[in-house]
Structure formats: C-alpha cells, structure tokens
Amino acid sequence: MSKCKFCESSDLSFFQAKERMFGLGGNFSYAECIFCGSLQLDSIPADLSSYYPADYYSFAELKKSNPIARFLKKFRMRVFLRFGIKWLSPEYGYWLVKLQPGFSDRIADVGCGNGQLLYELHAGGFTDLQGFDPFIAEDTQIAPGLYLWKKRIEESEVSFDWIMMHHSFEHMEDPNGVLKSCYEKLKPGGKLLIRCPVADAEVWKESCEFWVQLDAPRHLIIPTLKGFKIKAEQLGFVLDEVAFDSTDFQFWGTELYRRGELLDEGKTTAFLTKDVRSSMQEKALRYNQEGKGDQACFYLRKPIKA
C-alpha cells in the first residue's frame, strides 16, 4: 500500500483488525490516511468468497408482493413523490424524494444482491431497472423491465439516468475505477447516489478496530467526507449534498464486538435495556445532525456540459 485511494497521499498509518461478524478471526492490516482520514484494507485476500457465507444478509431470498400489495405500493409511490407526504414514504423514501426520478428513468443498482430494492421500485411503478452484482448466481429477469446481471456495471453497454449504490461501495477495491465507470455510464445530468460507512464517525474514533462498520475484511474502503469529495470532484462529479443517515446499529453492534460476541441483535437484550436502546437511537439522530454519524448518503451529479 503506497498511497490513499481517495486523496493519493502517501502519509499512511496502519492498524490491525479481525473478522468479527461470523467469528472467523484472522488479522487484517488497514491503512488510515493521515491527510483525509479515509480507511482501506492494506492487503486484500485472494479469495473473499469465504467471508460471504450463504447466510450473509444480501443473499436473503427475494420477497415478492401479491397483486393487491403491488397496486397499493404503486399508488403510495405516486402520491408520495408528487406531494411528499411523510406517512406515505417507503422505507427508502428520504433519498428517493430528493432524487425525484421519473417512472420511466433507466435506473441501475450496483451491488444489488438479491434485487429486493429494485423489486420494491418495480412494485412502486418504475419500469426500467437493472441490477449489477458479480456475486449473484446468474443473470435473472425478476419481472418485466427488471433485470439482474451477474457482472460489474463496467461491463454494461447501457447508459443510465441515475445509478445507486447502497452499502456496496465499501466492498469495492478501486473507488477511482468504479466512480469513473459510473460517470461514463451516466447520461449528462444523470445522478449518482452512494450510501456507505464514513470514517468521520465518532464511534470509529472512540472504538477503533471494534467499530462494527469497519467489517474486516469485507469493507475494502471507507472514505471520509473529505476523501470522497476529493475523488468525486477529481473525476468530474458535482457533489450536491451529503446527508448522514446512521442508526443505533453503530452503538449496539460495536458493543457486541467489544464483548467478543458475533453480530446478533438478539444478544443485546442481555446487557442493553429498552431505555439504553432508546438513548442510543436518540444519540444516533444527534450524531447525524452534528456530522458525526457512521454512515452517509452522497448525492452526486454528472454535469450536462463537461
């Protein structure tokens, strides 16, 4: 490791981390950039597949809706996007309403997993959806206008109105390469949404290698806002907004790891009362407002004219 993958500084410090989600152990060296604060795995294992077992959350079975539920979801989506009524918002509504996509927009989900999010968009009325994930079993058409491809978006020959990455960016080795590919695949004026952990997190500064979203060795890169902005703007993107959207997961997950436990929320009842969990949720909201949460949503745009 000679330089930071975000700001290209060669001033790095190193620390050790273990795989804690499944208790696989091992020692993994991470580099922290002194200049921008971003993190990156120093030496990536030749085969990462063993760290993504069959019960990894993104491989869960796709859950489809019945015709009545699809009708209601489509109605809710149209009313929500038109009027912004909060109680009609789907779980992912906060970022969707900011993007204001058209129902015929061509949308890509990079690192789509089982395609559940794309399916929910399909049920909500979106008609041109494509998911990319080299770790799924095979190419699949889930529904009319909804395809999952067993490949990287770099291999696609299609242009998109907007591209999204929900907690997949941190699993990618080369932020320069993937951001450059997204820029090239976006139509002029197209939008890129990236949600990922950020090393601006107060919990990272306090807990270091026990931070639950360090997630060694699956998380290959974790930017700071500073590092991400440097790289994105270097490639031509306009960074319109950054919104912190972390939850109390940062606290209870980190506490499990500190206690030597695997990642199982059910185990928290043994040492966290309802009042403590409630205070953690309030603390997460406060951290988001203060820019100290452990994950953020980046809203980027490709200029209409370069």
C-alpha atoms as a PDB file:
ATOM      1  CA  MET A   1       0.000   0.000   0.000  1.00  0.00           C
ATOM      2  CA  SER A   2       1.759   3.133  -1.187  1.00  0.00           C
ATOM      3  CA  LYS A   3      -0.956   5.801  -1.180  1.00  0.00           C
ATOM      4  CA  CYS A   4      -4.514   6.652  -0.221  1.00  0.00           C
ATOM      5  CA  LYS A   5      -7.092   5.581  -2.815  1.00  0.00           C
ATOM      6  CA  PHE A   6      -9.064   8.782  -2.311  1.00  0.00           C
ATOM      7  CA  CYS A   7      -6.655  11.705  -1.949  1.00  0.00           C
ATOM      8  CA  GLU A   8      -3.478   9.894  -3.142  1.00  0.00           C
ATOM      9  CA  SER A   9      -1.488  10.944  -0.077  1.00  0.00           C
ATOM     10  CA  SER A  10       1.366   8.574   0.815  1.00  0.00           C
ATOM     11  CA  ASP A  11       1.188   9.539   4.509  1.00  0.00           C
ATOM     12  CA  LEU A  12      -0.492   6.450   5.989  1.00  0.00           C
ATOM     13  CA  SER A  13      -0.697   4.807   9.389  1.00  0.00           C
ATOM     14  CA  PHE A  14      -1.592   1.150   9.922  1.00  0.00           C
ATOM     15  CA  PHE A  15      -3.646  -0.900  12.388  1.00  0.00           C
ATOM     16  CA  GLN A  16      -4.881  -4.475  12.722  1.00  0.00           C
ATOM     17  CA  ALA A  17      -8.486  -5.714  12.636  1.00  0.00           C
ATOM     18  CA  LYS A  18     -10.239  -9.100  12.850  1.00  0.00           C
ATOM     19  CA  GLU A  19     -13.300 -10.594  11.155  1.00  0.00           C
ATOM     20  CA  ARG A  20     -15.967 -10.358  13.870  1.00  0.00           C
ATOM     21  CA  MET A  21     -19.377 -10.758  12.193  1.00  0.00           C
ATOM     22  CA  PHE A  22     -19.098 -14.560  11.860  1.00  0.00           C
ATOM     23  CA  GLY A  23     -16.197 -15.126  14.254  1.00  0.00           C
ATOM     24  CA  LEU A  24     -13.788 -16.166  11.505  1.00  0.00           C
ATOM     25  CA  GLY A  25     -10.925 -14.243  13.101  1.00  0.00           C
ATOM     26  CA  GLY A  26      -7.734 -13.597  11.181  1.00  0.00           C
ATOM     27  CA  ASN A  27      -5.623 -10.456  11.239  1.00  0.00           C
ATOM     28  CA  PHE A  28      -6.109  -7.827   8.550  1.00  0.00           C
ATOM     29  CA  SER A  29      -3.998  -4.731   8.115  1.00  0.00           C
ATOM     30  CA  TYR A  30      -5.790  -1.473   7.384  1.00  0.00           C
ATOM     31  CA  ALA A  31      -4.299   1.863   6.406  1.00  0.00           C
ATOM     32  CA  GLU A  32      -5.614   5.195   7.657  1.00  0.00           C
ATOM     33  CA  CYS A  33      -4.762   8.261   5.595  1.00  0.00           C
ATOM     34  CA  ILE A  34      -3.252  10.989   7.728  1.00  0.00           C
ATOM     35  CA  PHE A  35      -4.341  13.709   5.275  1.00  0.00           C
ATOM     36  CA  CYS A  36      -8.004  12.866   4.576  1.00  0.00           C
ATOM     37  CA  GLY A  37      -8.712  10.188   7.211  1.00  0.00           C
ATOM     38  CA  SER A  38     -10.057   7.564   4.790  1.00  0.00           C
ATOM     39  CA  LEU A  39      -9.504   3.862   5.509  1.00  0.00           C
ATOM     40  CA  GLN A  40      -8.542   0.989   3.203  1.00  0.00           C
ATOM     41  CA  LEU A  41      -7.621  -2.661   3.543  1.00  0.00           C
ATOM     42  CA  ASP A  42      -3.875  -2.940   3.070  1.00  0.00           C
ATOM     43  CA  SER A  43      -3.708  -6.429   1.544  1.00  0.00           C
ATOM     44  CA  ILE A  44      -6.883  -7.909   0.060  1.00  0.00           C
ATOM     45  CA  PRO A  45      -7.284 -11.713   0.402  1.00  0.00           C
ATOM     46  CA  ALA A  46      -7.019 -13.553  -2.901  1.00  0.00           C
ATOM     47  CA  ASP A  47     -10.421 -15.191  -2.288  1.00  0.00           C
ATOM     48  CA  LEU A  48     -13.006 -13.124  -0.440  1.00  0.00           C
ATOM     49  CA  SER A  49     -15.858 -15.566  -1.104  1.00  0.00           C
ATOM     50  CA  SER A  50     -15.326 -17.400   2.192  1.00  0.00           C
ATOM     51  CA  TYR A  51     -16.164 -14.162   4.013  1.00  0.00           C
ATOM     52  CA  TYR A  52     -19.573 -14.019   2.306  1.00  0.00           C
ATOM     53  CA  PRO A  53     -21.322 -17.214   3.521  1.00  0.00           C
ATOM     54  CA  ALA A  54     -24.764 -18.276   2.339  1.00  0.00           C
ATOM     55  CA  ASP A  55     -26.465 -16.544   5.291  1.00  0.00           C
ATOM     56  CA  TYR A  56     -24.896 -13.164   4.506  1.00  0.00           C
ATOM     57  CA  TYR A  57     -27.754 -10.649   4.629  1.00  0.00           C
ATOM     58  CA  SER A  58     -27.665  -9.557   0.954  1.00  0.00           C
ATOM     59  CA  PHE A  59     -28.199 -13.167  -0.186  1.00  0.00           C
ATOM     60  CA  ALA A  60     -31.588 -13.497   1.512  1.00  0.00           C
ATOM     61  CA  GLU A  61     -34.482 -14.805  -0.564  1.00  0.00           C
ATOM     62  CA  LEU A  62     -36.319 -12.167  -2.607  1.00  0.00           C
ATOM     63  CA  LYS A  63     -39.747 -11.346  -1.171  1.00  0.00           C
ATOM     64  CA  LYS A  64     -42.405 -10.558  -3.777  1.00  0.00           C
ATOM     65  CA  SER A  65     -45.718  -8.777  -3.273  1.00  0.00           C
ATOM     66  CA  ASN A  66     -49.143 -10.027  -4.284  1.00  0.00           C
ATOM     67  CA  PRO A  67     -51.162  -8.067  -6.902  1.00  0.00           C
ATOM     68  CA  ILE A  68     -53.113  -6.089  -4.282  1.00  0.00           C
ATOM     69  CA  ALA A  69     -49.928  -5.091  -2.455  1.00  0.00           C
ATOM     70  CA  ARG A  70     -48.305  -4.033  -5.744  1.00  0.00           C
ATOM     71  CA  PHE A  71     -51.325  -1.867  -6.570  1.00  0.00           C
ATOM     72  CA  LEU A  72     -51.157  -0.186  -3.170  1.00  0.00           C
ATOM     73  CA  LYS A  73     -47.391   0.324  -3.428  1.00  0.00           C
ATOM     74  CA  LYS A  74     -47.777   1.931  -6.852  1.00  0.00           C
ATOM     75  CA  PHE A  75     -50.495   4.250  -5.578  1.00  0.00           C
ATOM     76  CA  ARG A  76     -48.443   5.170  -2.498  1.00  0.00           C
ATOM     77  CA  MET A  77     -45.345   5.858  -4.597  1.00  0.00           C
ATOM     78  CA  ARG A  78     -47.117   8.226  -6.974  1.00  0.00           C
ATOM     79  CA  VAL A  79     -48.790  10.177  -4.189  1.00  0.00           C
ATOM     80  CA  PHE A  80     -45.599  10.300  -2.139  1.00  0.00           C
ATOM     81  CA  LEU A  81     -43.383  11.555  -4.967  1.00  0.00           C
ATOM     82  CA  ARG A  82     -45.945  14.148  -6.027  1.00  0.00           C
ATOM     83  CA  PHE A  83     -46.910  15.541  -2.636  1.00  0.00           C
ATOM     84  CA  GLY A  84     -44.083  14.378  -0.314  1.00  0.00           C
ATOM     85  CA  ILE A  85     -46.499  13.112   2.351  1.00  0.00           C
ATOM     86  CA  LYS A  86     -44.214  11.625   5.008  1.00  0.00           C
ATOM     87  CA  TRP A  87     -46.573   8.961   6.325  1.00  0.00           C
ATOM     88  CA  LEU A  88     -46.789   7.528   2.797  1.00  0.00           C
ATOM     89  CA  SER A  89     -42.999   7.329   2.471  1.00  0.00           C
ATOM     90  CA  PRO A  90     -41.498   3.888   1.810  1.00  0.00           C
ATOM     91  CA  GLU A  91     -38.526   2.933   3.965  1.00  0.00           C
ATOM     92  CA  TYR A  92     -36.126   4.379   1.380  1.00  0.00           C
ATOM     93  CA  GLY A  93     -38.248   7.458   0.711  1.00  0.00           C
ATOM     94  CA  TYR A  94     -35.957  10.064   2.193  1.00  0.00           C
ATOM     95  CA  TRP A  95     -33.402   9.703  -0.617  1.00  0.00           C
ATOM     96  CA  LEU A  96     -35.921   8.895  -3.322  1.00  0.00           C
ATOM     97  CA  VAL A  97     -37.841  12.124  -2.831  1.00  0.00           C
ATOM     98  CA  LYS A  98     -34.619  14.125  -3.153  1.00  0.00           C
ATOM     99  CA  LEU A  99     -33.757  12.467  -6.472  1.00  0.00           C
ATOM    100  CA  GLN A 100     -37.267  12.969  -7.912  1.00  0.00           C
ATOM    101  CA  PRO A 101     -36.852  10.259 -10.584  1.00  0.00           C
ATOM    102  CA  GLY A 102     -39.281   9.710 -13.424  1.00  0.00           C
ATOM    103  CA  PHE A 103     -41.030   6.349 -13.557  1.00  0.00           C
ATOM    104  CA  SER A 104     -39.525   5.662 -16.990  1.00  0.00           C
ATOM    105  CA  ASP A 105     -35.973   6.620 -15.962  1.00  0.00           C
ATOM    106  CA  ARG A 106     -33.353   3.938 -16.529  1.00  0.00           C
ATOM    107  CA  ILE A 107     -32.029   3.064 -13.070  1.00  0.00           C
ATOM    108  CA  ALA A 108     -29.071   0.895 -12.048  1.00  0.00           C
ATOM    109  CA  ASP A 109     -28.331  -0.624  -8.643  1.00  0.00           C
ATOM    110  CA  VAL A 110     -24.648  -1.534  -8.320  1.00  0.00           C
ATOM    111  CA  GLY A 111     -24.092  -4.351  -5.822  1.00  0.00           C
ATOM    112  CA  CYS A 112     -27.783  -5.236  -5.986  1.00  0.00           C
ATOM    113  CA  GLY A 113     -27.625  -8.519  -4.048  1.00  0.00           C
ATOM    114  CA  ASN A 114     -30.942 -10.345  -4.352  1.00  0.00           C
ATOM    115  CA  GLY A 115     -32.549  -7.331  -6.039  1.00  0.00           C
ATOM    116  CA  GLN A 116     -35.055  -6.578  -3.258  1.00  0.00           C
ATOM    117  CA  LEU A 117     -34.700  -2.797  -3.510  1.00  0.00           C
ATOM    118  CA  LEU A 118     -35.115  -2.849  -7.280  1.00  0.00           C
ATOM    119  CA  TYR A 119     -38.157  -5.070  -6.866  1.00  0.00           C
ATOM    120  CA  GLU A 120     -39.726  -2.556  -4.487  1.00  0.00           C
ATOM    121  CA  LEU A 121     -39.099   0.195  -7.036  1.00  0.00           C
ATOM    122  CA  HIS A 122     -40.692  -2.041  -9.684  1.00  0.00           C
ATOM    123  CA  ALA A 123     -43.716  -2.610  -7.434  1.00  0.00           C
ATOM    124  CA  GLY A 124     -43.869   1.165  -6.966  1.00  0.00           C
ATOM    125  CA  GLY A 125     -44.201   1.740 -10.703  1.00  0.00           C
ATOM    126  CA  PHE A 126     -40.659   2.141 -12.075  1.00  0.00           C
ATOM    127  CA  THR A 127     -40.281   0.381 -15.412  1.00  0.00           C
ATOM    128  CA  ASP A 128     -36.588   0.269 -16.428  1.00  0.00           C
ATOM    129  CA  LEU A 129     -34.438  -1.277 -13.693  1.00  0.00           C
ATOM    130  CA  GLN A 130     -31.119  -3.111 -13.857  1.00  0.00           C
ATOM    131  CA  GLY A 131     -29.025  -4.582 -11.061  1.00  0.00           C
ATOM    132  CA  PHE A 132     -25.329  -5.469 -11.241  1.00  0.00           C
ATOM    133  CA  ASP A 133     -23.606  -7.880  -8.897  1.00  0.00           C
ATOM    134  CA  PRO A 134     -20.804 -10.304  -9.858  1.00  0.00           C
ATOM    135  CA  PHE A 135     -21.549 -12.441  -6.784  1.00  0.00           C
ATOM    136  CA  ILE A 136     -25.125 -13.480  -7.645  1.00  0.00           C
ATOM    137  CA  ALA A 137     -25.671 -16.955  -9.066  1.00  0.00           C
ATOM    138  CA  GLU A 138     -26.761 -15.997 -12.598  1.00  0.00           C
ATOM    139  CA  ASP A 139     -28.401 -13.414 -14.838  1.00  0.00           C
ATOM    140  CA  THR A 140     -32.094 -13.155 -13.944  1.00  0.00           C
ATOM    141  CA  GLN A 141     -35.217 -11.375 -15.140  1.00  0.00           C
ATOM    142  CA  ILE A 142     -37.278 -10.882 -11.995  1.00  0.00           C
ATOM    143  CA  ALA A 143     -40.146  -9.032 -13.656  1.00  0.00           C
ATOM    144  CA  PRO A 144     -40.879  -7.098 -16.875  1.00  0.00           C
ATOM    145  CA  GLY A 145     -38.332  -4.295 -17.023  1.00  0.00           C
ATOM    146  CA  LEU A 146     -36.316  -5.636 -14.059  1.00  0.00           C
ATOM    147  CA  TYR A 147     -33.074  -7.491 -14.745  1.00  0.00           C
ATOM    148  CA  LEU A 148     -30.219  -8.627 -12.522  1.00  0.00           C
ATOM    149  CA  TRP A 149     -26.846  -9.121 -14.225  1.00  0.00           C
ATOM    150  CA  LYS A 150     -24.027 -11.268 -12.896  1.00  0.00           C
ATOM    151  CA  LYS A 151     -21.368  -8.727 -13.831  1.00  0.00           C
ATOM    152  CA  ARG A 152     -20.000  -5.328 -12.937  1.00  0.00           C
ATOM    153  CA  ILE A 153     -21.555  -2.144 -14.271  1.00  0.00           C
ATOM    154  CA  GLU A 154     -18.245  -1.508 -16.059  1.00  0.00           C
ATOM    155  CA  GLU A 155     -19.196  -4.373 -18.398  1.00  0.00           C
ATOM    156  CA  SER A 156     -22.556  -2.865 -19.341  1.00  0.00           C
ATOM    157  CA  GLU A 157     -23.031  -1.031 -22.624  1.00  0.00           C
ATOM    158  CA  VAL A 158     -26.096   0.857 -21.384  1.00  0.00           C
ATOM    159  CA  SER A 159     -26.405   4.481 -20.218  1.00  0.00           C
ATOM    160  CA  PHE A 160     -28.471   5.373 -17.151  1.00  0.00           C
ATOM    161  CA  ASP A 161     -30.450   8.313 -15.805  1.00  0.00           C
ATOM    162  CA  TRP A 162     -29.309   7.502 -12.308  1.00  0.00           C
ATOM    163  CA  ILE A 163     -27.160   4.942 -10.564  1.00  0.00           C
ATOM    164  CA  MET A 164     -27.262   3.928  -6.922  1.00  0.00           C
ATOM    165  CA  MET A 165     -25.045   2.034  -4.534  1.00  0.00           C
ATOM    166  CA  HIS A 166     -26.481   1.097  -1.159  1.00  0.00           C
ATOM    167  CA  HIS A 167     -23.700  -0.191   1.063  1.00  0.00           C
ATOM    168  CA  SER A 168     -21.825  -1.781  -1.805  1.00  0.00           C
ATOM    169  CA  PHE A 169     -19.244   0.949  -2.494  1.00  0.00           C
ATOM    170  CA  GLU A 170     -17.247  -0.019   0.590  1.00  0.00           C
ATOM    171  CA  HIS A 171     -16.932  -3.584  -0.749  1.00  0.00           C
ATOM    172  CA  MET A 172     -15.135  -2.387  -3.894  1.00  0.00           C
ATOM    173  CA  GLU A 173     -11.370  -2.317  -4.191  1.00  0.00           C
ATOM    174  CA  ASP A 174     -10.929   0.608  -6.581  1.00  0.00           C
ATOM    175  CA  PRO A 175     -13.000   3.746  -5.828  1.00  0.00           C
ATOM    176  CA  ASN A 176     -11.383   5.595  -8.721  1.00  0.00           C
ATOM    177  CA  GLY A 177     -12.352   2.868 -11.189  1.00  0.00           C
ATOM    178  CA  VAL A 178     -15.932   2.426 -10.034  1.00  0.00           C
ATOM    179  CA  LEU A 179     -16.658   6.168  -9.822  1.00  0.00           C
ATOM    180  CA  LYS A 180     -15.111   6.713 -13.239  1.00  0.00           C
ATOM    181  CA  SER A 181     -17.276   3.915 -14.689  1.00  0.00           C
ATOM    182  CA  CYS A 182     -20.398   5.401 -13.122  1.00  0.00           C
ATOM    183  CA  TYR A 183     -19.539   8.797 -14.587  1.00  0.00           C
ATOM    184  CA  GLU A 184     -19.136   7.249 -18.035  1.00  0.00           C
ATOM    185  CA  LYS A 185     -22.391   5.251 -17.764  1.00  0.00           C
ATOM    186  CA  LEU A 186     -24.485   8.219 -16.638  1.00  0.00           C
ATOM    187  CA  LYS A 187     -26.289  10.375 -19.160  1.00  0.00           C
ATOM    188  CA  PRO A 188     -25.442  14.112 -18.993  1.00  0.00           C
ATOM    189  CA  GLY A 189     -27.275  15.491 -15.971  1.00  0.00           C
ATOM    190  CA  GLY A 190     -27.579  11.975 -14.546  1.00  0.00           C
ATOM    191  CA  LYS A 191     -27.379  11.364 -10.807  1.00  0.00           C
ATOM    192  CA  LEU A 192     -25.338   9.019  -8.629  1.00  0.00           C
ATOM    193  CA  LEU A 193     -26.434   8.050  -5.126  1.00  0.00           C
ATOM    194  CA  ILE A 194     -23.930   6.352  -2.812  1.00  0.00           C
ATOM    195  CA  ARG A 195     -24.695   5.275   0.751  1.00  0.00           C
ATOM    196  CA  CYS A 196     -21.771   3.897   2.719  1.00  0.00           C
ATOM    197  CA  PRO A 197     -19.964   3.970   6.083  1.00  0.00           C
ATOM    198  CA  VAL A 198     -17.753   7.001   6.648  1.00  0.00           C
ATOM    199  CA  ALA A 199     -14.632   7.320   8.751  1.00  0.00           C
ATOM    200  CA  ASP A 200     -15.805  10.697  10.101  1.00  0.00           C
ATOM    201  CA  ALA A 201     -17.703   8.581  12.646  1.00  0.00           C
ATOM    202  CA  GLU A 202     -17.274   9.413  16.294  1.00  0.00           C
ATOM    203  CA  VAL A 203     -17.743   5.713  17.117  1.00  0.00           C
ATOM    204  CA  TRP A 204     -14.737   4.864  14.903  1.00  0.00           C
ATOM    205  CA  LYS A 205     -12.593   7.407  16.727  1.00  0.00           C
ATOM    206  CA  GLU A 206     -13.689   6.023  20.091  1.00  0.00           C
ATOM    207  CA  SER A 207     -13.731   2.279  19.358  1.00  0.00           C
ATOM    208  CA  CYS A 208     -11.183   1.791  16.548  1.00  0.00           C
ATOM    209  CA  GLU A 209     -10.985  -1.847  15.427  1.00  0.00           C
ATOM    210  CA  PHE A 210     -14.207  -2.740  17.329  1.00  0.00           C
ATOM    211  CA  TRP A 211     -16.280  -0.375  15.162  1.00  0.00           C
ATOM    212  CA  VAL A 212     -18.986  -2.589  13.683  1.00  0.00           C
ATOM    213  CA  GLN A 213     -18.868  -0.956  10.245  1.00  0.00           C
ATOM    214  CA  LEU A 214     -15.146  -1.494   9.822  1.00  0.00           C
ATOM    215  CA  ASP A 215     -16.306  -5.047   8.982  1.00  0.00           C
ATOM    216  CA  ALA A 216     -12.929  -6.561   8.154  1.00  0.00           C
ATOM    217  CA  PRO A 217     -12.128  -7.852   5.603  1.00  0.00           C
ATOM    218  CA  ARG A 218     -15.349  -7.257   3.600  1.00  0.00           C
ATOM    219  CA  HIS A 219     -15.093  -3.476   3.724  1.00  0.00           C
ATOM    220  CA  LEU A 220     -12.150  -2.706   1.489  1.00  0.00           C
ATOM    221  CA  ILE A 221     -12.513   1.087   1.541  1.00  0.00           C
ATOM    222  CA  ILE A 222     -14.211   3.544   3.905  1.00  0.00           C
ATOM    223  CA  PRO A 223     -13.946   7.202   2.911  1.00  0.00           C
ATOM    224  CA  THR A 224     -14.269  10.354   4.929  1.00  0.00           C
ATOM    225  CA  LEU A 225     -16.336  13.193   3.526  1.00  0.00           C
ATOM    226  CA  LYS A 226     -13.092  14.971   2.693  1.00  0.00           C
ATOM    227  CA  GLY A 227     -11.580  11.988   0.869  1.00  0.00           C
ATOM    228  CA  PHE A 228     -14.788  11.189  -1.026  1.00  0.00           C
ATOM    229  CA  LYS A 229     -15.225  14.792  -2.164  1.00  0.00           C
ATOM    230  CA  ILE A 230     -11.640  14.951  -3.429  1.00  0.00           C
ATOM    231  CA  LYS A 231     -12.018  11.790  -5.522  1.00  0.00           C
ATOM    232  CA  ALA A 232     -15.525  12.523  -6.849  1.00  0.00           C
ATOM    233  CA  GLU A 233     -14.716  16.052  -7.961  1.00  0.00           C
ATOM    234  CA  GLN A 234     -11.420  14.900  -9.460  1.00  0.00           C
ATOM    235  CA  LEU A 235     -13.453  12.667 -11.790  1.00  0.00           C
ATOM    236  CA  GLY A 236     -15.874  15.410 -12.792  1.00  0.00           C
ATOM    237  CA  PHE A 237     -18.830  14.869 -10.450  1.00  0.00           C
ATOM    238  CA  VAL A 238     -20.664  17.671  -8.701  1.00  0.00           C
ATOM    239  CA  LEU A 239     -21.330  16.757  -5.062  1.00  0.00           C
ATOM    240  CA  ASP A 240     -24.717  18.340  -4.407  1.00  0.00           C
ATOM    241  CA  GLU A 241     -25.341  17.131  -0.862  1.00  0.00           C
ATOM    242  CA  VAL A 242     -24.175  14.825   1.911  1.00  0.00           C
ATOM    243  CA  ALA A 243     -26.706  13.553   4.454  1.00  0.00           C
ATOM    244  CA  PHE A 244     -25.761  11.418   7.460  1.00  0.00           C
ATOM    245  CA  ASP A 245     -28.210   8.544   7.908  1.00  0.00           C
ATOM    246  CA  SER A 246     -26.667   6.320  10.585  1.00  0.00           C
ATOM    247  CA  THR A 247     -28.703   4.394  13.162  1.00  0.00           C
ATOM    248  CA  ASP A 248     -28.163   2.952  16.618  1.00  0.00           C
ATOM    249  CA  PHE A 249     -26.587  -0.080  14.895  1.00  0.00           C
ATOM    250  CA  GLN A 250     -23.273   1.740  15.227  1.00  0.00           C
ATOM    251  CA  PHE A 251     -23.545   1.536  19.019  1.00  0.00           C
ATOM    252  CA  TRP A 252     -25.089  -1.859  19.767  1.00  0.00           C
ATOM    253  CA  GLY A 253     -23.091  -3.622  17.026  1.00  0.00           C
ATOM    254  CA  THR A 254     -19.841  -2.118  18.288  1.00  0.00           C
ATOM    255  CA  GLU A 255     -20.723  -3.085  21.860  1.00  0.00           C
ATOM    256  CA  LEU A 256     -21.290  -6.700  20.778  1.00  0.00           C
ATOM    257  CA  TYR A 257     -17.829  -6.802  19.200  1.00  0.00           C
ATOM    258  CA  ARG A 258     -16.261  -5.193  22.241  1.00  0.00           C
ATOM    259  CA  ARG A 259     -17.749  -8.016  24.326  1.00  0.00           C
ATOM    260  CA  GLY A 260     -16.421 -10.680  21.959  1.00  0.00           C
ATOM    261  CA  GLU A 261     -19.870 -11.572  20.587  1.00  0.00           C
ATOM    262  CA  LEU A 262     -20.906 -12.275  16.987  1.00  0.00           C
ATOM    263  CA  LEU A 263     -23.249  -9.869  15.223  1.00  0.00           C
ATOM    264  CA  ASP A 264     -26.624 -10.911  16.620  1.00  0.00           C
ATOM    265  CA  GLU A 265     -29.006  -8.168  17.741  1.00  0.00           C
ATOM    266  CA  GLY A 266     -30.903 -10.667  19.868  1.00  0.00           C
ATOM    267  CA  LYS A 267     -27.924 -10.935  22.202  1.00  0.00           C
ATOM    268  CA  THR A 268     -28.146  -7.249  23.111  1.00  0.00           C
ATOM    269  CA  THR A 269     -31.144  -7.876  25.381  1.00  0.00           C
ATOM    270  CA  ALA A 270     -28.781  -9.453  27.887  1.00  0.00           C
ATOM    271  CA  PHE A 271     -26.978  -6.187  28.569  1.00  0.00           C
ATOM    272  CA  LEU A 272     -28.937  -3.325  26.952  1.00  0.00           C
ATOM    273  CA  THR A 273     -32.250  -2.222  28.453  1.00  0.00           C
ATOM    274  CA  LYS A 274     -35.046  -0.626  26.416  1.00  0.00           C
ATOM    275  CA  ASP A 275     -34.110   2.744  27.901  1.00  0.00           C
ATOM    276  CA  VAL A 276     -30.485   2.319  26.828  1.00  0.00           C
ATOM    277  CA  ARG A 277     -31.540   1.335  23.309  1.00  0.00           C
ATOM    278  CA  SER A 278     -33.821   4.358  23.181  1.00  0.00           C
ATOM    279  CA  SER A 279     -30.961   6.628  24.242  1.00  0.00           C
ATOM    280  CA  MET A 280     -28.777   5.049  21.545  1.00  0.00           C
ATOM    281  CA  GLN A 281     -31.392   5.902  18.922  1.00  0.00           C
ATOM    282  CA  GLU A 282     -31.543   9.488  20.138  1.00  0.00           C
ATOM    283  CA  LYS A 283     -27.751   9.667  20.131  1.00  0.00           C
ATOM    284  CA  ALA A 284     -27.639   8.381  16.539  1.00  0.00           C
ATOM    285  CA  LEU A 285     -30.000  11.156  15.427  1.00  0.00           C
ATOM    286  CA  ARG A 286     -27.882  13.742  17.235  1.00  0.00           C
ATOM    287  CA  TYR A 287     -24.697  12.415  15.663  1.00  0.00           C
ATOM    288  CA  ASN A 288     -26.287  12.659  12.218  1.00  0.00           C
ATOM    289  CA  GLN A 289     -27.194  16.288  12.837  1.00  0.00           C
ATOM    290  CA  GLU A 290     -23.654  17.008  14.073  1.00  0.00           C
ATOM    291  CA  GLY A 291     -21.947  15.221  11.159  1.00  0.00           C
ATOM    292  CA  LYS A 292     -20.529  12.518  13.429  1.00  0.00           C
ATOM    293  CA  GLY A 293     -22.627   9.520  12.352  1.00  0.00           C
ATOM    294  CA  ASP A 294     -21.020   6.411  10.911  1.00  0.00           C
ATOM    295  CA  GLN A 295     -22.729   6.324   7.513  1.00  0.00           C
ATOM    296  CA  ALA A 296     -23.751   8.927   4.970  1.00  0.00           C
ATOM    297  CA  CYS A 297     -25.638   9.384   1.715  1.00  0.00           C
ATOM    298  CA  PHE A 298     -23.770  11.176  -1.091  1.00  0.00           C
ATOM    299  CA  TYR A 299     -25.833  12.863  -3.827  1.00  0.00           C
ATOM    300  CA  LEU A 300     -23.729  13.404  -6.948  1.00  0.00           C
ATOM    301  CA  ARG A 301     -24.478  14.701 -10.406  1.00  0.00           C
ATOM    302  CA  LYS A 302     -22.831  14.487 -13.810  1.00  0.00           C
ATOM    303  CA  PRO A 303     -22.822  17.977 -15.336  1.00  0.00           C
ATOM    304  CA  ILE A 304     -24.844  18.414 -18.517  1.00  0.00           C
ATOM    305  CA  LYS A 305     -21.805  20.088 -20.039  1.00  0.00           C
ATOM    306  CA  ALA A 306     -18.327  18.900 -19.039  1.00  0.00           C
END
